[in-house]
Amino acid sequence: MNEIRNRIATEKFAWPGGYEMYAVTDDGGVLCFDCCRTESDCIDNAISGDGWFVAAMDHTGNVDETVSCDHCGRDIPKP
């Protein structure tokens, strides 16, 4: 799962489309690009169910509503 976090932390936008990437934790939470970078220790040391275990990645092009980061509260806007 660290590979997913590393990809999101280095590639803020999906191509094509320019949609912002975000991580999805195994408990359904969302982590924005900035939190994937700044909270890398928490993510790297995560265990399943602790709120930091990254299970997947996605981008805002796949959602109809604004997505918010569950750590910092920042809205992840659609372009």
C-alpha atoms as a PDB file:
ATOM      1  CA  MET A   1       0.000   0.000   0.000  1.00  0.00           C
ATOM      2  CA  ASN A   2       2.953   2.326   0.419  1.00  0.00           C
ATOM      3  CA  GLU A   3       3.249   2.272  -3.362  1.00  0.00           C
ATOM      4  CA  ILE A   4      -0.223   3.798  -3.632  1.00  0.00           C
ATOM      5  CA  ARG A   5       0.624   6.508  -1.077  1.00  0.00           C
ATOM      6  CA  ASN A   6       3.907   7.248  -2.845  1.00  0.00           C
ATOM      7  CA  ARG A   7       2.160   7.573  -6.197  1.00  0.00           C
ATOM      8  CA  ILE A   8      -0.480   9.924  -4.831  1.00  0.00           C
ATOM      9  CA  ALA A   9       2.154  11.950  -2.950  1.00  0.00           C
ATOM     10  CA  THR A  10       4.121  12.496  -6.177  1.00  0.00           C
ATOM     11  CA  GLU A  11       1.311  12.727  -8.737  1.00  0.00           C
ATOM     12  CA  LYS A  12      -1.264  15.259  -7.596  1.00  0.00           C
ATOM     13  CA  PHE A  13      -3.317  15.117 -10.787  1.00  0.00           C
ATOM     14  CA  ALA A  14      -4.549  12.270 -12.970  1.00  0.00           C
ATOM     15  CA  TRP A  15      -3.761  12.417 -16.652  1.00  0.00           C
ATOM     16  CA  PRO A  16      -5.668  12.968 -18.806  1.00  0.00           C
ATOM     17  CA  GLY A  17      -8.277  15.182 -17.256  1.00  0.00           C
ATOM     18  CA  GLY A  18      -6.380  16.999 -14.524  1.00  0.00           C
ATOM     19  CA  TYR A  19      -8.489  15.485 -11.759  1.00  0.00           C
ATOM     20  CA  GLU A  20      -6.943  15.636  -8.291  1.00  0.00           C
ATOM     21  CA  MET A  21      -5.823  12.291  -6.883  1.00  0.00           C
ATOM     22  CA  TYR A  22      -6.626  11.147  -3.352  1.00  0.00           C
ATOM     23  CA  ALA A  23      -6.099   8.055  -1.210  1.00  0.00           C
ATOM     24  CA  VAL A  24      -8.911   5.899   0.099  1.00  0.00           C
ATOM     25  CA  THR A  25      -8.352   4.152   3.420  1.00  0.00           C
ATOM     26  CA  ASP A  26      -9.647   0.690   4.231  1.00  0.00           C
ATOM     27  CA  ASP A  27     -12.327   2.204   6.498  1.00  0.00           C
ATOM     28  CA  GLY A  28     -13.662   4.375   3.650  1.00  0.00           C
ATOM     29  CA  GLY A  29     -11.831   7.569   4.591  1.00  0.00           C
ATOM     30  CA  VAL A  30     -10.220   9.986   2.148  1.00  0.00           C
ATOM     31  CA  LEU A  31      -6.738  11.521   2.364  1.00  0.00           C
ATOM     32  CA  CYS A  32      -5.777  14.422   0.102  1.00  0.00           C
ATOM     33  CA  PHE A  33      -2.508  14.808  -1.782  1.00  0.00           C
ATOM     34  CA  ASP A  34      -1.006  17.093   0.875  1.00  0.00           C
ATOM     35  CA  CYS A  35      -1.854  14.765   3.766  1.00  0.00           C
ATOM     36  CA  CYS A  36      -0.397  11.793   1.897  1.00  0.00           C
ATOM     37  CA  ARG A  37       2.848  13.742   1.774  1.00  0.00           C
ATOM     38  CA  THR A  38       2.890  15.210   5.279  1.00  0.00           C
ATOM     39  CA  GLU A  39       1.514  12.155   7.090  1.00  0.00           C
ATOM     40  CA  SER A  40       3.652   9.565   5.317  1.00  0.00           C
ATOM     41  CA  ASP A  41       4.918   8.108   8.615  1.00  0.00           C
ATOM     42  CA  CYS A  42       1.362   7.445   9.818  1.00  0.00           C
ATOM     43  CA  ILE A  43       0.490   5.842   6.490  1.00  0.00           C
ATOM     44  CA  ASP A  44       3.698   3.794   6.311  1.00  0.00           C
ATOM     45  CA  ASN A  45       3.129   2.422   9.826  1.00  0.00           C
ATOM     46  CA  ALA A  46      -0.628   1.924   9.482  1.00  0.00           C
ATOM     47  CA  ILE A  47      -2.455  -1.256  10.322  1.00  0.00           C
ATOM     48  CA  SER A  48      -5.828  -2.245   8.955  1.00  0.00           C
ATOM     49  CA  GLY A  49      -8.689  -0.348  10.591  1.00  0.00           C
ATOM     50  CA  ASP A  50      -6.662   2.460  12.188  1.00  0.00           C
ATOM     51  CA  GLY A  51      -7.829   5.131   9.741  1.00  0.00           C
ATOM     52  CA  TRP A  52      -4.463   5.468   7.981  1.00  0.00           C
ATOM     53  CA  PHE A  53      -4.273   2.177   6.055  1.00  0.00           C
ATOM     54  CA  VAL A  54      -4.402   3.190   2.390  1.00  0.00           C
ATOM     55  CA  ALA A  55      -6.283   0.594   0.364  1.00  0.00           C
ATOM     56  CA  ALA A  56      -6.792   2.373  -2.963  1.00  0.00           C
ATOM     57  CA  MET A  57      -6.503   5.597  -4.875  1.00  0.00           C
ATOM     58  CA  ASP A  58      -8.999   7.511  -6.923  1.00  0.00           C
ATOM     59  CA  HIS A  59      -9.513  10.941  -8.474  1.00  0.00           C
ATOM     60  CA  THR A  60     -12.222  13.556  -8.448  1.00  0.00           C
ATOM     61  CA  GLY A  61     -13.297  12.690 -11.981  1.00  0.00           C
ATOM     62  CA  ASN A  62     -15.014   9.601 -10.587  1.00  0.00           C
ATOM     63  CA  VAL A  63     -17.275  11.379  -8.089  1.00  0.00           C
ATOM     64  CA  ASP A  64     -20.361  13.574  -8.459  1.00  0.00           C
ATOM     65  CA  GLU A  65     -19.931  15.558  -5.246  1.00  0.00           C
ATOM     66  CA  THR A  66     -17.022  17.381  -3.636  1.00  0.00           C
ATOM     67  CA  VAL A  67     -14.734  15.041  -1.713  1.00  0.00           C
ATOM     68  CA  SER A  68     -13.207  16.227   1.578  1.00  0.00           C
ATOM     69  CA  CYS A  69     -10.037  15.011   3.254  1.00  0.00           C
ATOM     70  CA  ASP A  70     -10.845  13.226   6.497  1.00  0.00           C
ATOM     71  CA  HIS A  71      -7.588  14.380   8.085  1.00  0.00           C
ATOM     72  CA  CYS A  72      -7.322  18.100   7.302  1.00  0.00           C
ATOM     73  CA  GLY A  73     -10.891  18.774   6.143  1.00  0.00           C
ATOM     74  CA  ARG A  74      -9.832  20.365   2.856  1.00  0.00           C
ATOM     75  CA  ASP A  75     -12.304  20.061  -0.005  1.00  0.00           C
ATOM     76  CA  ILE A  76     -10.741  18.294  -2.974  1.00  0.00           C
ATOM     77  CA  PRO A  77     -12.306  20.206  -5.869  1.00  0.00           C
ATOM     78  CA  LYS A  78     -13.223  19.006  -9.300  1.00  0.00           C
ATOM     79  CA  PRO A  79     -11.452  21.026 -12.009  1.00  0.00           C
END
